[in-house]
Amino acid sequence: MSELVRPLRAYRALARATARAVLTYRFNLLLGMGAVLMQLVALLAVWRVVLAESPSVNGFTWPQMRAYLLVAFAAGTVISVLGDFRMAFRILDGDVALDLAKPIDYQRARFAEALGGLWIEVLLIAVVAGVTMSIVGGVDVPAGSALALFALSMLLLVPLKFLIVYVSTLACFWTQNYMGVQWARIAVVNLFSGAMIPLVYLPGWLATAAQWSPFAGLTSTPALIFLGRVDVPQGLVLVAVQLGWVLALWFGARLIWRVAVRRLTINGG
């Protein structure tokens, strides 16, 4: 039993350390959140003008688009404290070898760190969403099974977002620079997740491909469920796709890590 408890204590300690670091370096968190907030403000302004000319565009009214953008903001804010740059630099500098000497699983340790600041992000999201709704108007909250399904989708979003960032960061074992990888990931995620525009505005074939990709689970899936644009059976399918991608990426990331570690051993001694 003690052999099982010790790793759990180590992961909890990592999570607490992340929370303390976030509270200590609050400016970094606020700066990162400010970027997402500015995107929210800009998109609200743009869509308010667009939908002022027409009561509905591709089935979205202004109240629906307002709710969609708030969900997109929440989805873009969670797991923002994940230290992907720190992890990338440790890989590029070779300091990741020190992490291998620790008696804990590397992937689980990084996930624990990502979860450490989650409660702080949720509080900030609640504050921003409350202020935003007081200015631009409230949103209709789903009830019953739809609300439970939305909550489940938002819960699955956390490991899904972590894994997409984590897998992209592992590319540093094969690259000399992380900036290009990060820019490419952000561009792909913003387009195929629906963070910039709902997927329905994409060409039909591209929207279908995006909806079945792991990226849709980062924004489109929880937003569609929240807005009631899918019924419960359809929502269950979308959440099942989210779960499938979480499992596939979790075990896929472990395979990539094993290959990366062998590369580190061969090249780094």
C-alpha atoms as a PDB file:
ATOM      1  CA  MET A   1       0.000   0.000   0.000  1.00  0.00           C
ATOM      2  CA  SER A   2       2.813   2.415   0.865  1.00  0.00           C
ATOM      3  CA  GLU A   3       4.318   1.856  -2.584  1.00  0.00           C
ATOM      4  CA  LEU A   4       1.064   3.117  -4.117  1.00  0.00           C
ATOM      5  CA  VAL A   5       0.654   6.044  -1.732  1.00  0.00           C
ATOM      6  CA  ARG A   6       4.138   7.512  -2.237  1.00  0.00           C
ATOM      7  CA  PRO A   7       3.683   8.291  -5.962  1.00  0.00           C
ATOM      8  CA  LEU A   8       0.260   9.827  -5.253  1.00  0.00           C
ATOM      9  CA  ARG A   9       1.797  12.065  -2.621  1.00  0.00           C
ATOM     10  CA  ALA A  10       4.476  13.087  -5.114  1.00  0.00           C
ATOM     11  CA  TYR A  11       1.876  14.041  -7.728  1.00  0.00           C
ATOM     12  CA  ARG A  12      -0.146  15.990  -5.163  1.00  0.00           C
ATOM     13  CA  ALA A  13       3.012  17.803  -4.140  1.00  0.00           C
ATOM     14  CA  LEU A  14       3.659  18.736  -7.769  1.00  0.00           C
ATOM     15  CA  ALA A  15       0.105  20.038  -8.109  1.00  0.00           C
ATOM     16  CA  ARG A  16       0.443  22.134  -4.937  1.00  0.00           C
ATOM     17  CA  ALA A  17       3.800  23.468  -6.115  1.00  0.00           C
ATOM     18  CA  THR A  18       2.211  24.597  -9.383  1.00  0.00           C
ATOM     19  CA  ALA A  19      -0.610  26.360  -7.524  1.00  0.00           C
ATOM     20  CA  ARG A  20       1.892  28.151  -5.294  1.00  0.00           C
ATOM     21  CA  ALA A  21       3.956  29.183  -8.316  1.00  0.00           C
ATOM     22  CA  VAL A  22       0.852  30.541 -10.057  1.00  0.00           C
ATOM     23  CA  LEU A  23      -0.109  32.565  -6.999  1.00  0.00           C
ATOM     24  CA  THR A  24       3.452  33.825  -6.632  1.00  0.00           C
ATOM     25  CA  TYR A  25       3.831  34.827 -10.267  1.00  0.00           C
ATOM     26  CA  ARG A  26       0.295  36.119 -10.759  1.00  0.00           C
ATOM     27  CA  PHE A  27       1.344  38.556 -13.474  1.00  0.00           C
ATOM     28  CA  ASN A  28       2.314  35.705 -15.811  1.00  0.00           C
ATOM     29  CA  LEU A  29      -1.113  34.100 -15.381  1.00  0.00           C
ATOM     30  CA  LEU A  30      -2.940  37.387 -15.865  1.00  0.00           C
ATOM     31  CA  LEU A  31      -0.857  38.188 -18.933  1.00  0.00           C
ATOM     32  CA  GLY A  32      -1.702  34.859 -20.541  1.00  0.00           C
ATOM     33  CA  MET A  33      -5.347  35.171 -19.595  1.00  0.00           C
ATOM     34  CA  GLY A  34      -5.382  38.739 -20.887  1.00  0.00           C
ATOM     35  CA  ALA A  35      -4.528  37.498 -24.363  1.00  0.00           C
ATOM     36  CA  VAL A  36      -7.515  35.128 -24.354  1.00  0.00           C
ATOM     37  CA  LEU A  37      -9.699  37.867 -22.876  1.00  0.00           C
ATOM     38  CA  MET A  38      -8.742  40.316 -25.619  1.00  0.00           C
ATOM     39  CA  GLN A  39      -9.665  37.666 -28.185  1.00  0.00           C
ATOM     40  CA  LEU A  40     -13.037  37.292 -26.456  1.00  0.00           C
ATOM     41  CA  VAL A  41     -13.667  41.052 -26.492  1.00  0.00           C
ATOM     42  CA  ALA A  42     -12.642  41.335 -30.157  1.00  0.00           C
ATOM     43  CA  LEU A  43     -14.827  38.413 -31.248  1.00  0.00           C
ATOM     44  CA  LEU A  44     -17.807  39.711 -29.273  1.00  0.00           C
ATOM     45  CA  ALA A  45     -17.461  43.083 -30.996  1.00  0.00           C
ATOM     46  CA  VAL A  46     -17.095  41.552 -34.460  1.00  0.00           C
ATOM     47  CA  TRP A  47     -20.026  39.162 -34.121  1.00  0.00           C
ATOM     48  CA  ARG A  48     -22.217  41.848 -32.590  1.00  0.00           C
ATOM     49  CA  VAL A  49     -21.765  43.904 -35.744  1.00  0.00           C
ATOM     50  CA  VAL A  50     -22.206  40.917 -38.071  1.00  0.00           C
ATOM     51  CA  LEU A  51     -25.387  39.724 -36.377  1.00  0.00           C
ATOM     52  CA  ALA A  52     -26.769  43.256 -36.171  1.00  0.00           C
ATOM     53  CA  GLU A  53     -27.244  43.088 -39.950  1.00  0.00           C
ATOM     54  CA  SER A  54     -29.093  39.776 -39.768  1.00  0.00           C
ATOM     55  CA  PRO A  55     -30.982  38.121 -36.922  1.00  0.00           C
ATOM     56  CA  SER A  56     -29.280  34.794 -37.685  1.00  0.00           C
ATOM     57  CA  VAL A  57     -26.203  33.665 -39.620  1.00  0.00           C
ATOM     58  CA  ASN A  58     -25.856  29.925 -40.244  1.00  0.00           C
ATOM     59  CA  GLY A  59     -28.358  29.348 -37.477  1.00  0.00           C
ATOM     60  CA  PHE A  60     -26.531  31.431 -34.849  1.00  0.00           C
ATOM     61  CA  THR A  61     -28.365  34.334 -33.231  1.00  0.00           C
ATOM     62  CA  TRP A  62     -26.569  36.990 -31.186  1.00  0.00           C
ATOM     63  CA  PRO A  63     -27.494  35.416 -27.802  1.00  0.00           C
ATOM     64  CA  GLN A  64     -26.292  32.022 -29.076  1.00  0.00           C
ATOM     65  CA  MET A  65     -23.046  33.425 -30.428  1.00  0.00           C
ATOM     66  CA  ARG A  66     -22.495  35.279 -27.158  1.00  0.00           C
ATOM     67  CA  ALA A  67     -22.867  32.026 -25.243  1.00  0.00           C
ATOM     68  CA  TYR A  68     -20.640  30.204 -27.743  1.00  0.00           C
ATOM     69  CA  LEU A  69     -17.838  32.730 -27.314  1.00  0.00           C
ATOM     70  CA  LEU A  70     -18.048  32.540 -23.519  1.00  0.00           C
ATOM     71  CA  VAL A  71     -17.671  28.757 -23.664  1.00  0.00           C
ATOM     72  CA  ALA A  72     -14.763  29.203 -26.078  1.00  0.00           C
ATOM     73  CA  PHE A  73     -13.154  31.626 -23.627  1.00  0.00           C
ATOM     74  CA  ALA A  74     -13.523  29.170 -20.755  1.00  0.00           C
ATOM     75  CA  ALA A  75     -12.121  26.348 -22.860  1.00  0.00           C
ATOM     76  CA  GLY A  76      -9.173  28.465 -23.942  1.00  0.00           C
ATOM     77  CA  THR A  77      -8.353  29.484 -20.371  1.00  0.00           C
ATOM     78  CA  VAL A  78      -8.215  26.114 -18.607  1.00  0.00           C
ATOM     79  CA  ILE A  79      -4.784  24.429 -18.468  1.00  0.00           C
ATOM     80  CA  SER A  80      -3.189  27.728 -19.491  1.00  0.00           C
ATOM     81  CA  VAL A  81      -0.703  27.380 -16.629  1.00  0.00           C
ATOM     82  CA  LEU A  82       0.803  24.262 -18.209  1.00  0.00           C
ATOM     83  CA  GLY A  83       4.503  25.024 -18.481  1.00  0.00           C
ATOM     84  CA  ASP A  84       4.968  23.865 -22.058  1.00  0.00           C
ATOM     85  CA  PHE A  85       7.872  26.281 -22.574  1.00  0.00           C
ATOM     86  CA  ARG A  86       9.565  25.059 -19.407  1.00  0.00           C
ATOM     87  CA  MET A  87       9.144  21.454 -20.503  1.00  0.00           C
ATOM     88  CA  ALA A  88      10.350  22.271 -24.011  1.00  0.00           C
ATOM     89  CA  PHE A  89      13.471  24.070 -22.794  1.00  0.00           C
ATOM     90  CA  ARG A  90      14.313  21.210 -20.439  1.00  0.00           C
ATOM     91  CA  ILE A  91      14.120  18.832 -23.386  1.00  0.00           C
ATOM     92  CA  LEU A  92      16.175  21.079 -25.663  1.00  0.00           C
ATOM     93  CA  ASP A  93      18.792  21.694 -22.969  1.00  0.00           C
ATOM     94  CA  GLY A  94      18.978  18.043 -21.994  1.00  0.00           C
ATOM     95  CA  ASP A  95      17.844  18.744 -18.411  1.00  0.00           C
ATOM     96  CA  VAL A  96      14.990  16.292 -18.978  1.00  0.00           C
ATOM     97  CA  ALA A  97      17.550  13.590 -18.151  1.00  0.00           C
ATOM     98  CA  LEU A  98      17.277  14.719 -14.523  1.00  0.00           C
ATOM     99  CA  ASP A  99      13.526  14.108 -14.637  1.00  0.00           C
ATOM    100  CA  LEU A 100      14.178  10.529 -15.698  1.00  0.00           C
ATOM    101  CA  ALA A 101      16.015   9.921 -12.446  1.00  0.00           C
ATOM    102  CA  LYS A 102      12.946  10.771 -10.381  1.00  0.00           C
ATOM    103  CA  PRO A 103      10.833   7.809  -9.192  1.00  0.00           C
ATOM    104  CA  ILE A 104       7.629   9.103 -10.773  1.00  0.00           C
ATOM    105  CA  ASP A 105       6.027   8.801 -14.181  1.00  0.00           C
ATOM    106  CA  TYR A 106       6.987  11.752 -16.412  1.00  0.00           C
ATOM    107  CA  GLN A 107       3.631  12.084 -18.168  1.00  0.00           C
ATOM    108  CA  ARG A 108       1.571  11.786 -14.991  1.00  0.00           C
ATOM    109  CA  ALA A 109       3.858  14.298 -13.284  1.00  0.00           C
ATOM    110  CA  ARG A 110       3.278  16.872 -16.022  1.00  0.00           C
ATOM    111  CA  PHE A 111      -0.470  16.232 -15.847  1.00  0.00           C
ATOM    112  CA  ALA A 112      -0.418  16.760 -12.079  1.00  0.00           C
ATOM    113  CA  GLU A 113       1.359  20.084 -12.622  1.00  0.00           C
ATOM    114  CA  ALA A 114      -1.280  21.101 -15.159  1.00  0.00           C
ATOM    115  CA  LEU A 115      -4.066  20.276 -12.707  1.00  0.00           C
ATOM    116  CA  GLY A 116      -2.399  22.257  -9.938  1.00  0.00           C
ATOM    117  CA  GLY A 117      -3.566  25.638 -11.182  1.00  0.00           C
ATOM    118  CA  LEU A 118      -6.939  24.485 -12.510  1.00  0.00           C
ATOM    119  CA  TRP A 119      -8.964  25.778  -9.553  1.00  0.00           C
ATOM    120  CA  ILE A 120      -7.398  29.224  -9.950  1.00  0.00           C
ATOM    121  CA  GLU A 121      -8.299  29.272 -13.642  1.00  0.00           C
ATOM    122  CA  VAL A 122     -11.898  28.237 -12.867  1.00  0.00           C
ATOM    123  CA  LEU A 123     -12.255  31.116 -10.407  1.00  0.00           C
ATOM    124  CA  LEU A 124     -10.912  33.615 -12.948  1.00  0.00           C
ATOM    125  CA  ILE A 125     -13.213  32.232 -15.636  1.00  0.00           C
ATOM    126  CA  ALA A 126     -16.216  32.651 -13.323  1.00  0.00           C
ATOM    127  CA  VAL A 127     -15.273  36.268 -12.581  1.00  0.00           C
ATOM    128  CA  VAL A 128     -14.702  37.197 -16.228  1.00  0.00           C
ATOM    129  CA  ALA A 129     -17.839  35.408 -17.405  1.00  0.00           C
ATOM    130  CA  GLY A 130     -19.913  37.150 -14.733  1.00  0.00           C
ATOM    131  CA  VAL A 131     -18.575  40.594 -15.648  1.00  0.00           C
ATOM    132  CA  THR A 132     -18.994  39.927 -19.370  1.00  0.00           C
ATOM    133  CA  MET A 133     -22.592  38.778 -19.009  1.00  0.00           C
ATOM    134  CA  SER A 134     -23.418  41.818 -16.874  1.00  0.00           C
ATOM    135  CA  ILE A 135     -22.207  44.024 -19.745  1.00  0.00           C
ATOM    136  CA  VAL A 136     -23.344  42.231 -22.922  1.00  0.00           C
ATOM    137  CA  GLY A 137     -26.226  40.195 -21.517  1.00  0.00           C
ATOM    138  CA  GLY A 138     -26.805  36.815 -19.943  1.00  0.00           C
ATOM    139  CA  VAL A 139     -26.956  33.385 -21.553  1.00  0.00           C
ATOM    140  CA  ASP A 140     -29.449  30.539 -21.371  1.00  0.00           C
ATOM    141  CA  VAL A 141     -28.038  27.658 -19.320  1.00  0.00           C
ATOM    142  CA  PRO A 142     -29.080  24.134 -20.373  1.00  0.00           C
ATOM    143  CA  ALA A 143     -30.987  22.031 -17.870  1.00  0.00           C
ATOM    144  CA  GLY A 144     -31.132  18.407 -16.841  1.00  0.00           C
ATOM    145  CA  SER A 145     -29.246  15.851 -18.910  1.00  0.00           C
ATOM    146  CA  ALA A 146     -27.914  18.492 -21.306  1.00  0.00           C
ATOM    147  CA  LEU A 147     -26.257  20.370 -18.437  1.00  0.00           C
ATOM    148  CA  ALA A 148     -24.727  17.152 -17.084  1.00  0.00           C
ATOM    149  CA  LEU A 149     -23.444  16.293 -20.550  1.00  0.00           C
ATOM    150  CA  PHE A 150     -21.919  19.765 -20.894  1.00  0.00           C
ATOM    151  CA  ALA A 151     -20.183  19.383 -17.529  1.00  0.00           C
ATOM    152  CA  LEU A 152     -18.801  15.997 -18.608  1.00  0.00           C
ATOM    153  CA  SER A 153     -17.566  17.490 -21.871  1.00  0.00           C
ATOM    154  CA  MET A 154     -15.801  20.327 -20.023  1.00  0.00           C
ATOM    155  CA  LEU A 155     -14.261  17.776 -17.676  1.00  0.00           C
ATOM    156  CA  LEU A 156     -12.888  15.726 -20.584  1.00  0.00           C
ATOM    157  CA  LEU A 157     -11.573  18.924 -22.146  1.00  0.00           C
ATOM    158  CA  VAL A 158      -8.958  19.183 -19.386  1.00  0.00           C
ATOM    159  CA  PRO A 159      -6.955  15.995 -20.150  1.00  0.00           C
ATOM    160  CA  LEU A 160      -7.581  16.437 -23.875  1.00  0.00           C
ATOM    161  CA  LYS A 161      -6.054  19.911 -23.929  1.00  0.00           C
ATOM    162  CA  PHE A 162      -3.160  18.779 -21.762  1.00  0.00           C
ATOM    163  CA  LEU A 163      -2.390  15.873 -24.084  1.00  0.00           C
ATOM    164  CA  ILE A 164      -2.449  17.968 -27.263  1.00  0.00           C
ATOM    165  CA  VAL A 165      -0.005  20.442 -25.720  1.00  0.00           C
ATOM    166  CA  TYR A 166       2.091  17.658 -24.180  1.00  0.00           C
ATOM    167  CA  VAL A 167       2.416  15.683 -27.428  1.00  0.00           C
ATOM    168  CA  SER A 168       3.351  18.803 -29.381  1.00  0.00           C
ATOM    169  CA  THR A 169       6.013  19.616 -26.780  1.00  0.00           C
ATOM    170  CA  LEU A 170       7.537  16.144 -27.144  1.00  0.00           C
ATOM    171  CA  ALA A 171       8.371  17.178 -30.717  1.00  0.00           C
ATOM    172  CA  CYS A 172      11.316  19.050 -29.175  1.00  0.00           C
ATOM    173  CA  PHE A 173      13.149  15.719 -29.068  1.00  0.00           C
ATOM    174  CA  TRP A 174      13.329  15.978 -32.868  1.00  0.00           C
ATOM    175  CA  THR A 175      13.456  19.759 -33.386  1.00  0.00           C
ATOM    176  CA  GLN A 176      15.890  22.504 -32.470  1.00  0.00           C
ATOM    177  CA  ASN A 177      13.279  25.117 -31.640  1.00  0.00           C
ATOM    178  CA  TYR A 178       9.879  25.058 -29.942  1.00  0.00           C
ATOM    179  CA  MET A 179       8.467  28.352 -31.229  1.00  0.00           C
ATOM    180  CA  GLY A 180       7.582  26.980 -34.650  1.00  0.00           C
ATOM    181  CA  VAL A 181       5.909  23.938 -33.109  1.00  0.00           C
ATOM    182  CA  GLN A 182       3.872  26.126 -30.759  1.00  0.00           C
ATOM    183  CA  TRP A 183       2.759  28.515 -33.508  1.00  0.00           C
ATOM    184  CA  ALA A 184       1.712  25.620 -35.713  1.00  0.00           C
ATOM    185  CA  ARG A 185      -0.233  24.022 -32.855  1.00  0.00           C
ATOM    186  CA  ILE A 186      -2.021  27.260 -31.997  1.00  0.00           C
ATOM    187  CA  ALA A 187      -2.988  27.854 -35.633  1.00  0.00           C
ATOM    188  CA  VAL A 188      -4.335  24.321 -36.083  1.00  0.00           C
ATOM    189  CA  VAL A 189      -6.170  24.305 -32.759  1.00  0.00           C
ATOM    190  CA  ASN A 190      -7.791  27.711 -33.300  1.00  0.00           C
ATOM    191  CA  LEU A 191      -9.100  26.667 -36.712  1.00  0.00           C
ATOM    192  CA  PHE A 192     -10.179  23.079 -36.112  1.00  0.00           C
ATOM    193  CA  SER A 193     -11.462  23.484 -32.555  1.00  0.00           C
ATOM    194  CA  GLY A 194     -13.925  26.217 -33.423  1.00  0.00           C
ATOM    195  CA  ALA A 195     -12.202  28.689 -31.103  1.00  0.00           C
ATOM    196  CA  MET A 196     -12.095  31.414 -33.757  1.00  0.00           C
ATOM    197  CA  ILE A 197     -15.332  30.627 -35.605  1.00  0.00           C
ATOM    198  CA  PRO A 198     -17.915  27.846 -35.188  1.00  0.00           C
ATOM    199  CA  LEU A 199     -17.113  24.829 -37.357  1.00  0.00           C
ATOM    200  CA  VAL A 200     -20.399  25.258 -39.226  1.00  0.00           C
ATOM    201  CA  TYR A 201     -18.847  28.256 -40.981  1.00  0.00           C
ATOM    202  CA  LEU A 202     -16.131  26.065 -42.525  1.00  0.00           C
ATOM    203  CA  PRO A 203     -16.643  24.274 -45.876  1.00  0.00           C
ATOM    204  CA  GLY A 204     -18.722  21.134 -45.391  1.00  0.00           C
ATOM    205  CA  TRP A 205     -15.967  18.559 -45.844  1.00  0.00           C
ATOM    206  CA  LEU A 206     -13.563  20.534 -43.638  1.00  0.00           C
ATOM    207  CA  ALA A 207     -16.179  21.027 -40.919  1.00  0.00           C
ATOM    208  CA  THR A 208     -16.878  17.277 -40.877  1.00  0.00           C
ATOM    209  CA  ALA A 209     -13.185  16.414 -40.646  1.00  0.00           C
ATOM    210  CA  ALA A 210     -12.680  18.974 -37.878  1.00  0.00           C
ATOM    211  CA  GLN A 211     -15.666  17.709 -35.889  1.00  0.00           C
ATOM    212  CA  TRP A 212     -14.178  14.208 -35.753  1.00  0.00           C
ATOM    213  CA  SER A 213     -10.694  15.464 -34.928  1.00  0.00           C
ATOM    214  CA  PRO A 214      -9.397  15.758 -31.349  1.00  0.00           C
ATOM    215  CA  PHE A 215      -9.435  19.548 -31.652  1.00  0.00           C
ATOM    216  CA  ALA A 216     -13.244  19.840 -31.796  1.00  0.00           C
ATOM    217  CA  GLY A 217     -13.394  18.582 -28.227  1.00  0.00           C
ATOM    218  CA  LEU A 218     -11.537  21.705 -27.099  1.00  0.00           C
ATOM    219  CA  THR A 219     -14.321  24.146 -27.995  1.00  0.00           C
ATOM    220  CA  SER A 220     -16.934  23.004 -30.494  1.00  0.00           C
ATOM    221  CA  THR A 221     -18.241  19.970 -28.614  1.00  0.00           C
ATOM    222  CA  PRO A 222     -18.919  21.638 -25.234  1.00  0.00           C
ATOM    223  CA  ALA A 223     -20.228  24.767 -26.967  1.00  0.00           C
ATOM    224  CA  LEU A 224     -22.703  22.874 -29.168  1.00  0.00           C
ATOM    225  CA  ILE A 225     -23.982  20.946 -26.146  1.00  0.00           C
ATOM    226  CA  PHE A 226     -24.312  24.142 -24.084  1.00  0.00           C
ATOM    227  CA  LEU A 227     -26.258  25.881 -26.838  1.00  0.00           C
ATOM    228  CA  GLY A 228     -28.558  22.894 -27.382  1.00  0.00           C
ATOM    229  CA  ARG A 229     -27.585  22.662 -31.051  1.00  0.00           C
ATOM    230  CA  VAL A 230     -27.271  18.902 -30.599  1.00  0.00           C
ATOM    231  CA  ASP A 231     -29.719  16.682 -28.751  1.00  0.00           C
ATOM    232  CA  VAL A 232     -28.667  14.332 -25.962  1.00  0.00           C
ATOM    233  CA  PRO A 233     -27.966  11.279 -28.193  1.00  0.00           C
ATOM    234  CA  GLN A 234     -25.861  13.399 -30.553  1.00  0.00           C
ATOM    235  CA  GLY A 235     -24.133  14.979 -27.568  1.00  0.00           C
ATOM    236  CA  LEU A 236     -23.294  11.536 -26.204  1.00  0.00           C
ATOM    237  CA  VAL A 237     -21.629  10.669 -29.506  1.00  0.00           C
ATOM    238  CA  LEU A 238     -19.555  13.865 -29.408  1.00  0.00           C
ATOM    239  CA  VAL A 239     -18.528  13.236 -25.784  1.00  0.00           C
ATOM    240  CA  ALA A 240     -17.642   9.640 -26.694  1.00  0.00           C
ATOM    241  CA  VAL A 241     -15.373  11.022 -29.430  1.00  0.00           C
ATOM    242  CA  GLN A 242     -13.763  13.276 -26.820  1.00  0.00           C
ATOM    243  CA  LEU A 243     -13.167  10.315 -24.523  1.00  0.00           C
ATOM    244  CA  GLY A 244     -11.816   8.227 -27.385  1.00  0.00           C
ATOM    245  CA  TRP A 245      -9.277  10.885 -28.268  1.00  0.00           C
ATOM    246  CA  VAL A 246      -8.241  11.280 -24.613  1.00  0.00           C
ATOM    247  CA  LEU A 247      -7.487   7.555 -24.396  1.00  0.00           C
ATOM    248  CA  ALA A 248      -5.794   7.428 -27.803  1.00  0.00           C
ATOM    249  CA  LEU A 249      -3.611  10.445 -27.077  1.00  0.00           C
ATOM    250  CA  TRP A 250      -2.756   9.301 -23.544  1.00  0.00           C
ATOM    251  CA  PHE A 251      -1.406   5.948 -24.675  1.00  0.00           C
ATOM    252  CA  GLY A 252      -0.066   7.397 -27.920  1.00  0.00           C
ATOM    253  CA  ALA A 253       1.901   9.963 -25.926  1.00  0.00           C
ATOM    254  CA  ARG A 254       3.418   7.151 -23.858  1.00  0.00           C
ATOM    255  CA  LEU A 255       4.617   5.419 -27.013  1.00  0.00           C
ATOM    256  CA  ILE A 256       6.103   8.666 -28.310  1.00  0.00           C
ATOM    257  CA  TRP A 257       7.832   9.167 -24.961  1.00  0.00           C
ATOM    258  CA  ARG A 258       9.423   5.717 -25.134  1.00  0.00           C
ATOM    259  CA  VAL A 259      10.808   6.469 -28.596  1.00  0.00           C
ATOM    260  CA  ALA A 260      11.973   9.912 -27.459  1.00  0.00           C
ATOM    261  CA  VAL A 261      13.759   8.488 -24.419  1.00  0.00           C
ATOM    262  CA  ARG A 262      15.630   6.016 -26.608  1.00  0.00           C
ATOM    263  CA  ARG A 263      16.673   8.906 -28.824  1.00  0.00           C
ATOM    264  CA  LEU A 264      17.862  10.828 -25.748  1.00  0.00           C
ATOM    265  CA  THR A 265      19.840   7.799 -24.582  1.00  0.00           C
ATOM    266  CA  ILE A 266      21.484   7.279 -27.965  1.00  0.00           C
ATOM    267  CA  ASN A 267      22.335  10.942 -28.601  1.00  0.00           C
ATOM    268  CA  GLY A 268      22.937  12.039 -25.031  1.00  0.00           C
ATOM    269  CA  GLY A 269      24.720   9.004 -23.640  1.00  0.00           C
END
